[in-house]
Amino acid sequence: MLERTAHQTSEPATPARPTTTRRRVLQGGAAGAASLALAPTLMSTASAAARIQTGNGRLVVVYLRGGADHLSMVVPYTDPNYYAARPTIAVDAAEVLPLDAQFGFHPVMTGLHALYGANRLAVVVGAGNPTGDRSHFVAQDLSEYATAQLQDASTGWLGRYLNDTTGSSIFRALTVDNNVSLSLRGFPALGIASLANFGIGGLTGFNAGYDGALAATYYGSEPIESTGTAALNAAAAVSNVPSTIVDPGLQPFADAAALLDANLGIEVMTINLGGWDTHEGMGVTATGQMRNLLEGLDSYLAGFQADLDGRGLTDVTTVVVTEFGRRVAENGSGGTDHGWASAMLVMGGAANGGVYGTLPALTPAAIGARGDVPVSVDFRHVLGYLAGTVLGHPTPGALFPNFTYSPLGVVS
């Protein structure tokens, strides 16, 4: 799958005093990445004094990288046009897990279907960027900037939220991955690949007591010294968070739940799930690539929610986003090509269960010459509502340049 999900944070100018040794030790592990990413916060603390206060909820954004197929995930099981367009890969109407009289989940999505039945999952059909792009690179950037055109903004939508709001914790924003998601661009967020490997030495595990020695060397007030101290503090705080080794696919969600439970001051978090570029071999409901993807997604999300529930974390809302959907018709390789609208999921204690948005009958006139699922809900309406209701931004429309925002009540 083609994707570009990370941004690189440039290193602060090196003052004369810091030694090469301490910088190399930091840069050898996750704490090094943290120290570089933290620099803007430590240099602009005073400018935050007049900013607004944040809300009481926390938001986790799960990005499905590659363009998840709407019509396999949320199936229009009463539309004969859908079945005519997909003679070998359509989900049989008798097998779907019904959501309402028009839509149902793929049969492997039992955990999410149970959450939907408990009014803890909102499903948004026909969601997307009306002026998006079929390139993975561009579409993912647009999704994370939350803009219609790349020139409309140079920061991620979550970065804009964070810069509009106050917060003292260095853990306000993080990605559970090696690289920070582009949606956090413009704000000094952390990237934590895993709890087991975050700290001095990172994946190498080479610390040998250097944390104390490093702390002693960062004694000044220069940016490199302040950020070094902050990085060491971050590593120390995360080292106290217990980690459980689980299935590799579930590990980011297990680590996310543990971090959210650790009272670190986290407000927003992003997680990436790749593999959704299904040009071939999507298969049928019993076997195939799409079954495997959706079975994994159901396991990860339902398991994550169960973990949050078990910890009593009722303030966490999760939204699932993808850069674009797939075309209505299957291709000659038993897959689907890049399309337009997909579906979004909003999960958690604050979710208002139900199906939101509309999808017309998938006739040739409705899907056009390219055969796209039409966009009926601009994805920014969903993100804006989450920013306002969950995170507490008083004017969420201000987060989306050149866009007229209207709230979509996917959460209460």
Protein backbone atom coordinates (compact mmCIF):
# COMPACT_ATOMS: atom_id res chain seq x y z
CA MET A 1 0.00 0.00 0.00
CA LEU A 2 1.26 3.48 -0.84
CA GLU A 3 1.11 5.84 2.07
CA ARG A 4 2.80 8.83 3.63
CA THR A 5 1.73 9.21 7.22
CA ALA A 6 4.55 10.90 9.07
CA HIS A 7 6.19 14.27 9.32
CA GLN A 8 9.70 14.92 10.43
CA THR A 9 10.42 17.51 13.11
CA SER A 10 13.63 19.39 12.48
CA GLU A 11 16.27 19.44 15.20
CA PRO A 12 16.72 22.72 17.10
CA ALA A 13 19.86 24.68 16.35
CA THR A 14 22.68 23.12 18.36
CA PRO A 15 24.10 25.42 21.05
CA ALA A 16 27.79 25.25 21.82
CA ARG A 17 27.51 23.70 25.27
CA PRO A 18 25.76 20.32 24.71
CA THR A 19 28.12 17.46 23.95
CA THR A 20 27.85 15.07 21.05
CA THR A 21 27.62 12.10 23.40
CA ARG A 22 24.40 13.02 25.16
CA ARG A 23 22.66 13.93 21.91
CA ARG A 24 23.64 10.61 20.37
CA VAL A 25 22.36 8.63 23.35
CA LEU A 26 19.02 10.45 23.26
CA GLN A 27 18.67 10.15 19.51
CA GLY A 28 19.32 6.42 19.73
CA GLY A 29 15.95 5.81 21.40
CA ALA A 30 12.37 6.93 21.59
CA ALA A 31 13.29 9.66 24.05
CA GLY A 32 15.37 11.27 21.33
CA ALA A 33 12.39 11.56 19.04
CA ALA A 34 10.40 12.92 21.93
CA SER A 35 12.99 15.56 22.73
CA LEU A 36 13.02 16.88 19.18
CA ALA A 37 9.26 16.93 18.89
CA LEU A 38 8.83 18.75 22.19
CA ALA A 39 10.92 21.79 21.27
CA PRO A 40 8.13 24.12 20.05
CA THR A 41 6.10 23.68 23.24
CA LEU A 42 8.99 24.55 25.49
CA MET A 43 9.82 27.64 23.45
CA SER A 44 6.28 29.02 23.27
CA THR A 45 4.73 28.42 26.68
CA ALA A 46 4.04 32.09 27.33
CA SER A 47 1.98 32.49 24.17
CA ALA A 48 -0.55 29.93 25.41
CA ALA A 49 -1.76 32.02 28.33
CA ALA A 50 -4.73 33.59 26.56
CA ARG A 51 -6.01 30.45 24.89
CA ILE A 52 -9.29 28.74 25.67
CA GLN A 53 -9.79 25.90 28.10
CA THR A 54 -10.30 22.37 26.84
CA GLY A 55 -13.26 20.03 27.38
CA ASN A 56 -13.53 17.02 29.62
CA GLY A 57 -13.42 14.30 26.97
CA ARG A 58 -10.57 12.64 25.10
CA LEU A 59 -10.45 11.63 21.45
CA VAL A 60 -8.75 8.70 19.72
CA VAL A 61 -8.54 8.88 15.92
CA VAL A 62 -7.98 5.59 14.08
CA TYR A 63 -6.79 6.00 10.49
CA LEU A 64 -7.47 3.13 8.08
CA ARG A 65 -4.63 3.61 5.61
CA GLY A 66 -5.25 2.68 2.00
CA GLY A 67 -8.90 3.52 1.40
CA ALA A 68 -11.36 1.24 3.22
CA ASP A 69 -14.26 -0.13 1.18
CA HIS A 70 -17.55 1.33 2.40
CA LEU A 71 -19.71 -1.30 0.74
CA SER A 72 -18.00 -4.26 2.44
CA MET A 73 -17.91 -2.64 5.86
CA VAL A 74 -21.37 -1.02 5.84
CA VAL A 75 -23.35 -2.98 3.28
CA PRO A 76 -26.39 -1.51 1.42
CA TYR A 77 -28.00 -4.93 1.56
CA THR A 78 -31.37 -3.91 0.07
CA ASP A 79 -29.93 -2.32 -3.09
CA PRO A 80 -29.98 -4.63 -6.16
CA ASN A 81 -27.52 -2.29 -7.91
CA TYR A 82 -24.89 -3.21 -5.33
CA TYR A 83 -25.26 -6.90 -6.07
CA ALA A 84 -25.26 -6.36 -9.83
CA ALA A 85 -22.01 -4.40 -9.58
CA ARG A 86 -20.27 -7.02 -7.42
CA PRO A 87 -21.19 -10.48 -8.68
CA THR A 88 -18.36 -12.28 -6.81
CA ILE A 89 -17.47 -10.11 -3.78
CA ALA A 90 -20.81 -8.74 -2.54
CA VAL A 91 -21.88 -9.61 1.01
CA ASP A 92 -25.02 -11.74 0.84
CA ALA A 93 -28.06 -10.00 2.30
CA ALA A 94 -28.83 -13.08 4.38
CA GLU A 95 -25.44 -12.82 6.10
CA VAL A 96 -25.26 -9.14 7.03
CA LEU A 97 -25.68 -7.97 10.60
CA PRO A 98 -28.47 -5.43 10.14
CA LEU A 99 -28.16 -1.88 11.40
CA ASP A 100 -31.42 -0.62 9.91
CA ALA A 101 -33.64 -1.37 6.93
CA GLN A 102 -30.96 -0.29 4.44
CA PHE A 103 -27.53 -1.01 5.92
CA GLY A 104 -25.79 -3.83 7.74
CA PHE A 105 -22.31 -4.81 8.91
CA HIS A 106 -20.16 -7.50 7.33
CA PRO A 107 -20.90 -10.75 9.25
CA VAL A 108 -17.50 -10.82 11.00
CA MET A 109 -18.16 -7.47 12.71
CA THR A 110 -19.99 -8.97 15.66
CA GLY A 111 -18.27 -6.95 18.37
CA LEU A 112 -19.04 -3.63 16.72
CA HIS A 113 -22.56 -4.78 15.97
CA ALA A 114 -23.08 -5.43 19.68
CA LEU A 115 -21.83 -1.92 20.48
CA TYR A 116 -24.22 -0.54 17.88
CA GLY A 117 -27.08 -2.44 19.51
CA ALA A 118 -26.14 -0.87 22.84
CA ASN A 119 -26.27 2.64 21.29
CA ARG A 120 -22.52 3.01 21.75
CA LEU A 121 -21.57 3.15 18.08
CA ALA A 122 -22.55 5.68 15.42
CA VAL A 123 -22.14 4.79 11.74
CA VAL A 124 -21.79 7.57 9.16
CA VAL A 125 -22.47 6.44 5.59
CA GLY A 126 -21.41 8.30 2.46
CA ALA A 127 -18.69 10.15 4.38
CA GLY A 128 -15.73 11.77 2.69
CA ASN A 129 -14.08 14.86 1.28
CA PRO A 130 -16.26 16.15 -1.60
CA THR A 131 -13.23 17.69 -3.29
CA GLY A 132 -10.72 15.02 -2.35
CA ASP A 133 -8.14 13.19 -4.43
CA ARG A 134 -7.63 9.61 -5.59
CA SER A 135 -3.92 9.64 -4.74
CA HIS A 136 -3.16 7.98 -1.40
CA PHE A 137 -0.52 10.59 -0.67
CA VAL A 138 -2.73 13.60 -1.36
CA ALA A 139 -5.93 12.11 0.06
CA GLN A 140 -4.29 11.16 3.34
CA ASP A 141 -2.84 14.64 3.65
CA LEU A 142 -6.26 16.17 2.98
CA SER A 143 -7.84 13.83 5.52
CA GLU A 144 -5.36 14.80 8.22
CA TYR A 145 -5.30 18.51 7.39
CA ALA A 146 -9.11 18.28 7.13
CA THR A 147 -9.15 20.59 4.14
CA ALA A 148 -10.47 20.47 0.59
CA GLN A 149 -7.18 21.66 -0.94
CA LEU A 150 -3.63 21.23 0.32
CA GLN A 151 -2.97 24.96 0.08
CA ASP A 152 -5.82 25.66 2.54
CA ALA A 153 -3.66 24.77 5.56
CA SER A 154 -0.16 23.69 6.54
CA THR A 155 -1.10 22.15 9.88
CA GLY A 156 -3.14 19.12 10.91
CA TRP A 157 -6.66 19.61 12.21
CA LEU A 158 -5.74 18.19 15.62
CA GLY A 159 -2.65 20.38 15.67
CA ARG A 160 -4.87 23.40 15.13
CA TYR A 161 -7.15 22.30 17.97
CA LEU A 162 -4.19 21.85 20.31
CA ASN A 163 -2.70 25.22 19.42
CA ASP A 164 -6.07 26.86 20.13
CA THR A 165 -6.31 25.36 23.60
CA THR A 166 -4.38 25.22 26.84
CA GLY A 167 -2.69 22.31 28.53
CA SER A 168 0.50 21.83 30.51
CA SER A 169 1.20 18.14 29.92
CA ILE A 170 3.84 17.11 27.41
CA PHE A 171 1.54 14.15 26.69
CA ARG A 172 -1.40 16.23 25.40
CA ALA A 173 -1.08 14.62 21.97
CA LEU A 174 0.58 11.46 20.79
CA THR A 175 0.57 8.82 18.09
CA VAL A 176 0.95 5.16 19.01
CA ASP A 177 3.44 4.56 16.22
CA ASN A 178 7.04 5.32 15.29
CA ASN A 179 6.02 8.53 13.54
CA VAL A 180 3.61 11.27 14.53
CA SER A 181 0.45 11.45 12.41
CA LEU A 182 0.13 14.40 10.06
CA SER A 183 -3.14 15.40 11.74
CA LEU A 184 -0.99 16.55 14.68
CA ARG A 185 1.37 18.57 12.51
CA GLY A 186 2.06 22.03 13.87
CA PHE A 187 1.97 20.88 17.49
CA PRO A 188 4.82 19.16 19.37
CA ALA A 189 3.26 15.71 19.71
CA LEU A 190 4.92 12.48 20.79
CA GLY A 191 5.33 9.27 18.84
CA ILE A 192 5.40 6.16 21.01
CA ALA A 193 5.83 2.99 18.99
CA SER A 194 5.16 0.77 21.97
CA LEU A 195 5.24 0.96 25.74
CA ALA A 196 7.73 -1.89 25.89
CA ASN A 197 10.32 0.03 23.84
CA PHE A 198 9.84 3.67 24.84
CA GLY A 199 12.69 5.13 26.87
CA ILE A 200 16.40 5.75 26.89
CA GLY A 201 17.96 3.42 24.36
CA GLY A 202 14.64 2.68 22.64
CA LEU A 203 14.65 -0.57 20.70
CA THR A 204 18.31 -1.23 21.55
CA GLY A 205 17.63 -1.23 25.27
CA PHE A 206 21.07 0.34 25.77
CA ASN A 207 20.73 2.60 28.80
CA ALA A 208 23.04 1.11 31.46
CA GLY A 209 22.12 3.82 33.94
CA TYR A 210 22.73 6.69 31.56
CA ASP A 211 19.41 8.33 32.44
CA GLY A 212 20.89 9.83 35.60
CA ALA A 213 24.02 10.97 33.83
CA LEU A 214 22.03 12.53 31.05
CA ALA A 215 19.76 14.34 33.48
CA ALA A 216 22.83 15.85 35.15
CA THR A 217 24.17 17.20 31.85
CA TYR A 218 20.98 19.04 30.88
CA TYR A 219 21.54 21.80 33.42
CA GLY A 220 21.08 24.92 31.32
CA SER A 221 18.20 26.85 29.79
CA GLU A 222 19.05 26.54 26.10
CA PRO A 223 16.36 24.88 23.92
CA ILE A 224 18.35 21.66 23.49
CA GLU A 225 18.75 21.41 27.27
CA SER A 226 15.12 22.17 28.07
CA THR A 227 13.90 19.69 25.50
CA GLY A 228 16.37 17.09 26.72
CA THR A 229 15.03 17.43 30.26
CA ALA A 230 11.47 17.16 29.00
CA ALA A 231 12.35 14.05 27.01
CA LEU A 232 13.88 12.40 30.05
CA ASN A 233 10.80 13.27 32.08
CA ALA A 234 8.58 11.78 29.37
CA ALA A 235 10.60 8.58 29.30
CA ALA A 236 10.44 8.31 33.08
CA ALA A 237 6.68 8.85 33.15
CA VAL A 238 5.98 6.27 30.46
CA SER A 239 8.32 3.74 32.08
CA ASN A 240 5.84 3.58 34.96
CA VAL A 241 2.92 2.62 32.71
CA PRO A 242 2.43 -1.17 32.82
CA SER A 243 2.40 -2.84 29.42
CA THR A 244 0.88 -6.14 28.40
CA ILE A 245 2.20 -8.02 25.38
CA VAL A 246 -0.72 -9.13 23.18
CA ASP A 247 -1.42 -9.93 19.54
CA PRO A 248 0.67 -7.56 17.33
CA GLY A 249 -2.44 -6.09 15.71
CA LEU A 250 -4.03 -5.39 19.07
CA GLN A 251 -0.83 -4.09 20.70
CA PRO A 252 -1.28 -0.42 19.71
CA PHE A 253 -4.78 -0.46 21.21
CA ALA A 254 -3.63 -2.21 24.39
CA ASP A 255 -0.85 0.36 24.78
CA ALA A 256 -3.30 3.18 24.02
CA ALA A 257 -5.69 2.04 26.74
CA ALA A 258 -2.86 1.78 29.26
CA LEU A 259 -1.59 5.26 28.37
CA LEU A 260 -5.07 6.77 28.62
CA ASP A 261 -5.45 5.16 32.03
CA ALA A 262 -2.15 6.54 33.32
CA ASN A 263 -3.28 10.10 34.11
CA LEU A 264 -0.63 11.63 31.85
CA GLY A 265 -2.80 14.46 30.55
CA ILE A 266 -3.52 12.91 27.13
CA GLU A 267 -6.23 14.72 25.15
CA VAL A 268 -5.87 13.35 21.63
CA MET A 269 -4.29 10.20 20.29
CA THR A 270 -3.94 8.67 16.82
CA ILE A 271 -3.48 5.05 15.75
CA ASN A 272 -2.78 3.76 12.23
CA LEU A 273 -4.06 0.55 10.64
CA GLY A 274 -2.67 -0.23 7.18
CA GLY A 275 -3.56 -2.69 4.44
CA TRP A 276 -6.87 -1.27 3.16
CA ASP A 277 -5.81 -0.79 -0.48
CA THR A 278 -7.83 -3.75 -1.75
CA HIS A 279 -7.25 -3.77 -5.51
CA GLU A 280 -7.46 -7.55 -5.70
CA GLY A 281 -8.52 -10.68 -3.88
CA MET A 282 -11.15 -9.17 -1.60
CA GLY A 283 -12.83 -12.56 -1.44
CA VAL A 284 -16.18 -13.63 -0.08
CA THR A 285 -17.62 -13.51 3.42
CA ALA A 286 -16.03 -16.82 4.46
CA THR A 287 -12.49 -16.18 3.19
CA GLY A 288 -10.39 -13.48 1.61
CA GLN A 289 -8.64 -10.21 2.25
CA MET A 290 -11.70 -8.17 3.21
CA ARG A 291 -12.91 -10.72 5.72
CA ASN A 292 -9.47 -10.71 7.34
CA LEU A 293 -9.28 -6.92 7.45
CA LEU A 294 -12.75 -6.46 8.91
CA GLU A 295 -12.34 -9.33 11.37
CA GLY A 296 -9.18 -7.66 12.63
CA LEU A 297 -10.79 -4.23 12.78
CA ASP A 298 -13.73 -5.61 14.75
CA SER A 299 -11.42 -7.40 17.17
CA TYR A 300 -9.21 -4.35 17.70
CA LEU A 301 -11.98 -1.79 18.15
CA ALA A 302 -14.33 -3.93 20.22
CA GLY A 303 -11.39 -5.14 22.31
CA PHE A 304 -10.20 -1.56 22.80
CA GLN A 305 -13.64 -0.45 23.96
CA ALA A 306 -13.87 -3.42 26.35
CA ASP A 307 -10.44 -2.49 27.75
CA LEU A 308 -11.53 1.13 28.23
CA ASP A 309 -14.75 -0.03 29.89
CA GLY A 310 -12.85 -2.33 32.21
CA ARG A 311 -10.68 0.59 33.29
CA GLY A 312 -13.70 2.85 33.80
CA LEU A 313 -12.56 5.29 31.10
CA THR A 314 -15.96 6.61 30.03
CA ASP A 315 -14.56 9.92 28.70
CA VAL A 316 -12.82 8.40 25.65
CA THR A 317 -14.44 8.61 22.21
CA THR A 318 -12.95 6.86 19.18
CA VAL A 319 -13.50 7.91 15.56
CA VAL A 320 -12.47 5.77 12.57
CA VAL A 321 -11.48 7.57 9.35
CA THR A 322 -10.07 6.55 5.97
CA GLU A 323 -8.75 8.74 3.16
CA PHE A 324 -11.27 7.58 0.55
CA GLY A 325 -13.49 4.64 -0.29
CA ARG A 326 -13.60 2.23 -3.23
CA ARG A 327 -15.64 2.16 -6.42
CA VAL A 328 -18.99 0.44 -6.50
CA ALA A 329 -18.10 -2.18 -9.13
CA GLU A 330 -15.57 -4.93 -8.60
CA ASN A 331 -12.62 -5.02 -10.98
CA GLY A 332 -11.17 -7.90 -12.97
CA SER A 333 -8.92 -8.95 -10.10
CA GLY A 334 -11.69 -9.51 -7.61
CA GLY A 335 -10.99 -6.22 -5.87
CA THR A 336 -12.04 -2.59 -6.06
CA ASP A 337 -10.24 0.52 -7.20
CA HIS A 338 -9.91 3.97 -5.66
CA GLY A 339 -13.24 5.65 -5.20
CA TRP A 340 -14.84 8.43 -3.24
CA ALA A 341 -17.04 8.10 -0.15
CA SER A 342 -16.47 5.59 2.63
CA ALA A 343 -17.95 5.14 6.09
CA MET A 344 -16.90 6.59 9.46
CA LEU A 345 -17.41 5.01 12.86
CA VAL A 346 -17.75 6.85 16.19
CA MET A 347 -17.46 4.64 19.26
CA GLY A 348 -17.58 5.07 23.00
CA GLY A 349 -19.66 6.18 25.94
CA ALA A 350 -20.43 9.55 24.32
CA ALA A 351 -21.57 8.08 21.00
CA ASN A 352 -25.16 8.50 19.88
CA GLY A 353 -25.91 5.14 18.28
CA GLY A 354 -27.49 5.04 14.86
CA VAL A 355 -26.84 5.46 11.15
CA TYR A 356 -26.09 8.99 9.96
CA GLY A 357 -25.98 10.28 6.41
CA THR A 358 -27.67 8.97 3.29
CA LEU A 359 -26.78 6.80 0.37
CA PRO A 360 -28.88 6.76 -2.79
CA ALA A 361 -29.61 3.67 -4.83
CA LEU A 362 -26.31 2.94 -6.58
CA THR A 363 -27.65 3.41 -10.10
CA PRO A 364 -25.40 4.45 -13.00
CA ALA A 365 -26.81 7.97 -12.77
CA ALA A 366 -26.03 8.20 -9.04
CA ILE A 367 -22.49 6.84 -9.15
CA GLY A 368 -21.40 8.65 -12.32
CA ALA A 369 -18.94 7.67 -15.01
CA ARG A 370 -16.25 6.68 -12.49
CA GLY A 371 -18.62 4.50 -10.50
CA ASP A 372 -18.10 6.19 -7.13
CA VAL A 373 -20.03 5.92 -3.90
CA PRO A 374 -21.39 9.49 -3.60
CA VAL A 375 -20.34 11.73 -0.71
CA SER A 376 -23.38 12.79 1.32
CA VAL A 377 -21.58 13.82 4.53
CA ASP A 378 -18.47 15.98 4.50
CA PHE A 379 -16.19 14.33 7.04
CA ARG A 380 -15.39 17.69 8.62
CA HIS A 381 -18.93 17.91 9.98
CA VAL A 382 -18.16 14.79 12.03
CA LEU A 383 -14.68 15.89 13.12
CA GLY A 384 -15.96 19.33 14.04
CA TYR A 385 -18.71 17.92 16.19
CA LEU A 386 -16.19 15.75 18.01
CA ALA A 387 -13.83 18.71 18.50
CA GLY A 388 -16.64 20.77 19.98
CA THR A 389 -18.51 18.16 21.99
CA VAL A 390 -15.77 15.79 23.14
CA LEU A 391 -12.77 18.11 23.30
CA GLY A 392 -14.63 21.29 24.18
CA HIS A 393 -13.54 23.68 21.41
CA PRO A 394 -16.12 26.51 21.55
CA THR A 395 -15.93 27.34 17.84
CA PRO A 396 -15.03 24.09 16.06
CA GLY A 397 -15.81 25.56 12.65
CA ALA A 398 -12.70 27.70 13.04
CA LEU A 399 -10.58 24.54 12.78
CA PHE A 400 -11.51 24.03 9.12
CA PRO A 401 -10.34 26.73 6.70
CA ASN A 402 -12.69 27.75 3.88
CA PHE A 403 -15.44 25.45 5.11
CA THR A 404 -18.94 26.05 6.44
CA TYR A 405 -19.34 23.74 9.40
CA SER A 406 -22.62 22.23 10.57
CA PRO A 407 -22.69 19.90 13.61
CA LEU A 408 -23.61 16.27 13.09
CA GLY A 409 -24.88 14.78 16.34
CA VAL A 410 -22.86 11.58 16.44
CA VAL A 411 -22.06 12.13 20.13
CA SER A 412 -24.00 13.60 23.05
